[in-house]
Amino acid sequence: MLPGPELTGRMLKLGLAAIADLAAVLLTPVVWLALWLLLQWMMAGGYVGAILSSMFLSAGRVVLVGAAHPAGYPYR
């Protein structure tokens, strides 16, 4: 006996969710590597690269300070 359309739809959604989760796990290191290489490329550039890299670095510092501070982001 074949499963009904409701069960088949749920199985399809679960399968697609599992595939999406697996893709996210596998692509995360690739994305971080691409961002790191992009940052290196921008830092090696001229004025535009310097401005963009300083924006990235300051954004990262804000995130790290906010995450490490016990009360959250200290400058509210």
N, C-alpha and C. Protein backbone atom coordinates (compact mmCIF):
# COMPACT_ATOMS: atom_id res chain seq x y z
N MET A 1 0.83 -1.17 0.00
CA MET A 1 0.00 0.00 0.00
C MET A 1 0.89 1.25 0.00
N LEU A 2 0.59 2.19 -0.84
CA LEU A 2 1.37 3.42 -0.96
C LEU A 2 0.90 4.46 0.05
N PRO A 3 1.82 5.30 0.53
CA PRO A 3 1.41 6.35 1.46
C PRO A 3 0.54 7.38 0.75
N GLY A 4 -0.33 8.01 1.51
CA GLY A 4 -1.21 9.02 0.95
C GLY A 4 -0.47 10.29 0.60
N PRO A 5 -1.14 11.20 -0.09
CA PRO A 5 -0.46 12.43 -0.52
C PRO A 5 -0.01 13.31 0.65
N GLU A 6 -0.74 13.25 1.77
CA GLU A 6 -0.34 14.06 2.92
C GLU A 6 0.99 13.57 3.49
N LEU A 7 1.11 12.25 3.66
CA LEU A 7 2.35 11.68 4.18
C LEU A 7 3.49 11.88 3.18
N THR A 8 3.20 11.73 1.90
CA THR A 8 4.23 11.91 0.88
C THR A 8 4.73 13.35 0.90
N GLY A 9 3.83 14.32 1.06
CA GLY A 9 4.23 15.72 1.12
C GLY A 9 5.11 16.01 2.31
N ARG A 10 4.76 15.43 3.46
CA ARG A 10 5.59 15.63 4.66
C ARG A 10 6.96 14.99 4.49
N MET A 11 6.98 13.81 3.88
CA MET A 11 8.26 13.14 3.65
C MET A 11 9.13 13.98 2.71
N LEU A 12 8.51 14.57 1.69
CA LEU A 12 9.24 15.40 0.74
C LEU A 12 9.81 16.64 1.44
N LYS A 13 9.00 17.27 2.30
CA LYS A 13 9.47 18.45 3.03
C LYS A 13 10.63 18.09 3.95
N LEU A 14 10.52 16.96 4.65
CA LEU A 14 11.61 16.55 5.53
C LEU A 14 12.88 16.24 4.74
N GLY A 15 12.70 15.59 3.59
CA GLY A 15 13.85 15.28 2.75
C GLY A 15 14.53 16.54 2.23
N LEU A 16 13.72 17.51 1.79
CA LEU A 16 14.29 18.77 1.29
C LEU A 16 14.97 19.54 2.42
N ALA A 17 14.39 19.50 3.61
CA ALA A 17 15.01 20.18 4.75
C ALA A 17 16.34 19.52 5.11
N ALA A 18 16.39 18.20 5.04
CA ALA A 18 17.64 17.50 5.34
C ALA A 18 18.71 17.83 4.30
N ILE A 19 18.32 17.91 3.04
CA ILE A 19 19.26 18.27 1.98
C ILE A 19 19.76 19.70 2.18
N ALA A 20 18.85 20.61 2.54
CA ALA A 20 19.25 22.01 2.77
C ALA A 20 20.21 22.11 3.96
N ASP A 21 19.93 21.35 5.02
CA ASP A 21 20.83 21.37 6.19
C ASP A 21 22.21 20.83 5.82
N LEU A 22 22.24 19.75 5.07
CA LEU A 22 23.52 19.17 4.66
C LEU A 22 24.29 20.14 3.78
N ALA A 23 23.59 20.80 2.85
CA ALA A 23 24.25 21.77 1.98
C ALA A 23 24.81 22.94 2.80
N ALA A 24 24.06 23.39 3.80
CA ALA A 24 24.54 24.49 4.64
C ALA A 24 25.79 24.09 5.40
N VAL A 25 25.80 22.87 5.93
CA VAL A 25 26.97 22.40 6.68
C VAL A 25 28.17 22.26 5.77
N LEU A 26 27.96 21.75 4.57
CA LEU A 26 29.08 21.55 3.65
C LEU A 26 29.58 22.86 3.05
N LEU A 27 28.69 23.83 2.85
CA LEU A 27 29.09 25.08 2.21
C LEU A 27 29.63 26.11 3.19
N THR A 28 29.40 25.95 4.48
CA THR A 28 29.86 26.95 5.44
C THR A 28 31.37 27.18 5.37
N PRO A 29 32.22 26.15 5.37
CA PRO A 29 33.66 26.41 5.26
C PRO A 29 34.03 27.08 3.94
N VAL A 30 33.32 26.74 2.87
CA VAL A 30 33.60 27.35 1.57
C VAL A 30 33.27 28.84 1.61
N VAL A 31 32.15 29.18 2.23
CA VAL A 31 31.75 30.59 2.33
C VAL A 31 32.75 31.36 3.18
N TRP A 32 33.17 30.79 4.32
CA TRP A 32 34.14 31.49 5.17
C TRP A 32 35.47 31.66 4.44
N LEU A 33 35.89 30.66 3.69
CA LEU A 33 37.14 30.77 2.93
C LEU A 33 37.01 31.86 1.87
N ALA A 34 35.87 31.90 1.19
CA ALA A 34 35.66 32.93 0.17
C ALA A 34 35.67 34.32 0.79
N LEU A 35 35.03 34.49 1.94
CA LEU A 35 35.04 35.79 2.61
C LEU A 35 36.44 36.18 3.05
N TRP A 36 37.20 35.20 3.55
CA TRP A 36 38.57 35.48 3.98
C TRP A 36 39.44 35.88 2.79
N LEU A 37 39.29 35.17 1.67
CA LEU A 37 40.05 35.52 0.47
C LEU A 37 39.64 36.88 -0.07
N LEU A 38 38.35 37.19 0.00
CA LEU A 38 37.87 38.50 -0.43
C LEU A 38 38.47 39.60 0.44
N LEU A 39 38.53 39.35 1.73
CA LEU A 39 39.12 40.33 2.64
C LEU A 39 40.60 40.53 2.33
N GLN A 40 41.33 39.45 2.06
CA GLN A 40 42.74 39.57 1.71
C GLN A 40 42.92 40.37 0.43
N TRP A 41 42.05 40.12 -0.54
CA TRP A 41 42.12 40.83 -1.81
C TRP A 41 41.84 42.31 -1.61
N MET A 42 40.86 42.62 -0.77
CA MET A 42 40.52 44.02 -0.54
C MET A 42 41.63 44.73 0.22
N MET A 43 42.28 44.04 1.13
CA MET A 43 43.35 44.66 1.89
C MET A 43 44.57 44.92 1.01
N ALA A 44 44.73 44.17 -0.06
CA ALA A 44 45.85 44.36 -0.97
C ALA A 44 45.57 45.46 -1.99
N GLY A 45 44.33 45.95 -2.05
CA GLY A 45 43.94 46.96 -3.04
C GLY A 45 44.32 48.36 -2.62
N GLY A 46 43.73 49.33 -3.32
CA GLY A 46 44.02 50.74 -3.06
C GLY A 46 43.08 51.32 -2.02
N TYR A 47 42.63 52.53 -2.28
CA TYR A 47 41.78 53.24 -1.32
C TYR A 47 40.46 52.52 -1.08
N VAL A 48 39.84 52.04 -2.14
CA VAL A 48 38.55 51.35 -1.99
C VAL A 48 38.73 50.10 -1.14
N GLY A 49 39.79 49.35 -1.41
CA GLY A 49 40.06 48.16 -0.61
C GLY A 49 40.32 48.48 0.84
N ALA A 50 41.03 49.58 1.09
CA ALA A 50 41.31 49.96 2.47
C ALA A 50 40.03 50.35 3.20
N ILE A 51 39.16 51.08 2.52
CA ILE A 51 37.89 51.48 3.15
C ILE A 51 37.03 50.26 3.42
N LEU A 52 36.89 49.39 2.41
CA LEU A 52 36.05 48.21 2.60
C LEU A 52 36.61 47.28 3.66
N SER A 53 37.92 47.08 3.67
CA SER A 53 38.49 46.18 4.67
C SER A 53 38.35 46.77 6.07
N SER A 54 38.47 48.09 6.21
CA SER A 54 38.27 48.68 7.54
C SER A 54 36.82 48.54 7.98
N MET A 55 35.89 48.61 7.02
CA MET A 55 34.49 48.41 7.36
C MET A 55 34.27 46.98 7.86
N PHE A 56 34.86 46.00 7.15
CA PHE A 56 34.72 44.61 7.56
C PHE A 56 35.35 44.38 8.92
N LEU A 57 36.55 44.93 9.13
CA LEU A 57 37.24 44.71 10.39
C LEU A 57 36.50 45.37 11.55
N SER A 58 35.99 46.59 11.34
CA SER A 58 35.27 47.24 12.43
C SER A 58 33.96 46.52 12.71
N ALA A 59 33.30 46.00 11.67
CA ALA A 59 32.07 45.25 11.88
C ALA A 59 32.36 43.98 12.67
N GLY A 60 33.45 43.30 12.37
CA GLY A 60 33.82 42.11 13.11
C GLY A 60 34.16 42.41 14.56
N ARG A 61 34.82 43.55 14.78
CA ARG A 61 35.19 43.92 16.15
C ARG A 61 33.94 44.21 16.97
N VAL A 62 32.96 44.88 16.36
CA VAL A 62 31.71 45.18 17.07
C VAL A 62 31.00 43.89 17.43
N VAL A 63 30.96 42.94 16.50
CA VAL A 63 30.29 41.67 16.77
C VAL A 63 31.01 40.93 17.89
N LEU A 64 32.34 40.90 17.84
CA LEU A 64 33.09 40.17 18.86
C LEU A 64 32.96 40.83 20.23
N VAL A 65 33.03 42.16 20.27
CA VAL A 65 32.89 42.85 21.55
C VAL A 65 31.49 42.64 22.10
N GLY A 66 30.49 42.73 21.23
CA GLY A 66 29.12 42.54 21.68
C GLY A 66 28.88 41.13 22.19
N ALA A 67 29.51 40.15 21.56
CA ALA A 67 29.30 38.76 21.98
C ALA A 67 30.05 38.47 23.27
N ALA A 68 31.21 39.10 23.47
CA ALA A 68 32.02 38.80 24.65
C ALA A 68 31.56 39.59 25.88
N HIS A 69 30.89 40.69 25.67
CA HIS A 69 30.48 41.53 26.80
C HIS A 69 29.32 40.86 27.53
N PRO A 70 29.36 40.77 28.87
CA PRO A 70 28.30 40.05 29.60
C PRO A 70 26.91 40.67 29.45
N ALA A 71 26.85 41.99 29.26
CA ALA A 71 25.55 42.65 29.12
C ALA A 71 25.18 42.85 27.66
N GLY A 72 25.88 42.16 26.76
CA GLY A 72 25.62 42.36 25.34
C GLY A 72 26.45 43.50 24.80
N TYR A 73 25.98 44.15 23.77
CA TYR A 73 26.70 45.25 23.15
C TYR A 73 26.74 46.43 24.11
N PRO A 74 27.93 46.89 24.54
CA PRO A 74 28.00 47.87 25.63
C PRO A 74 27.61 49.30 25.24
N TYR A 75 27.65 49.64 23.96
CA TYR A 75 27.40 51.03 23.55
C TYR A 75 26.00 51.18 23.02
N ARG A 76 25.00 51.21 23.90
CA ARG A 76 23.62 51.34 23.45
C ARG A 76 23.16 52.76 23.55
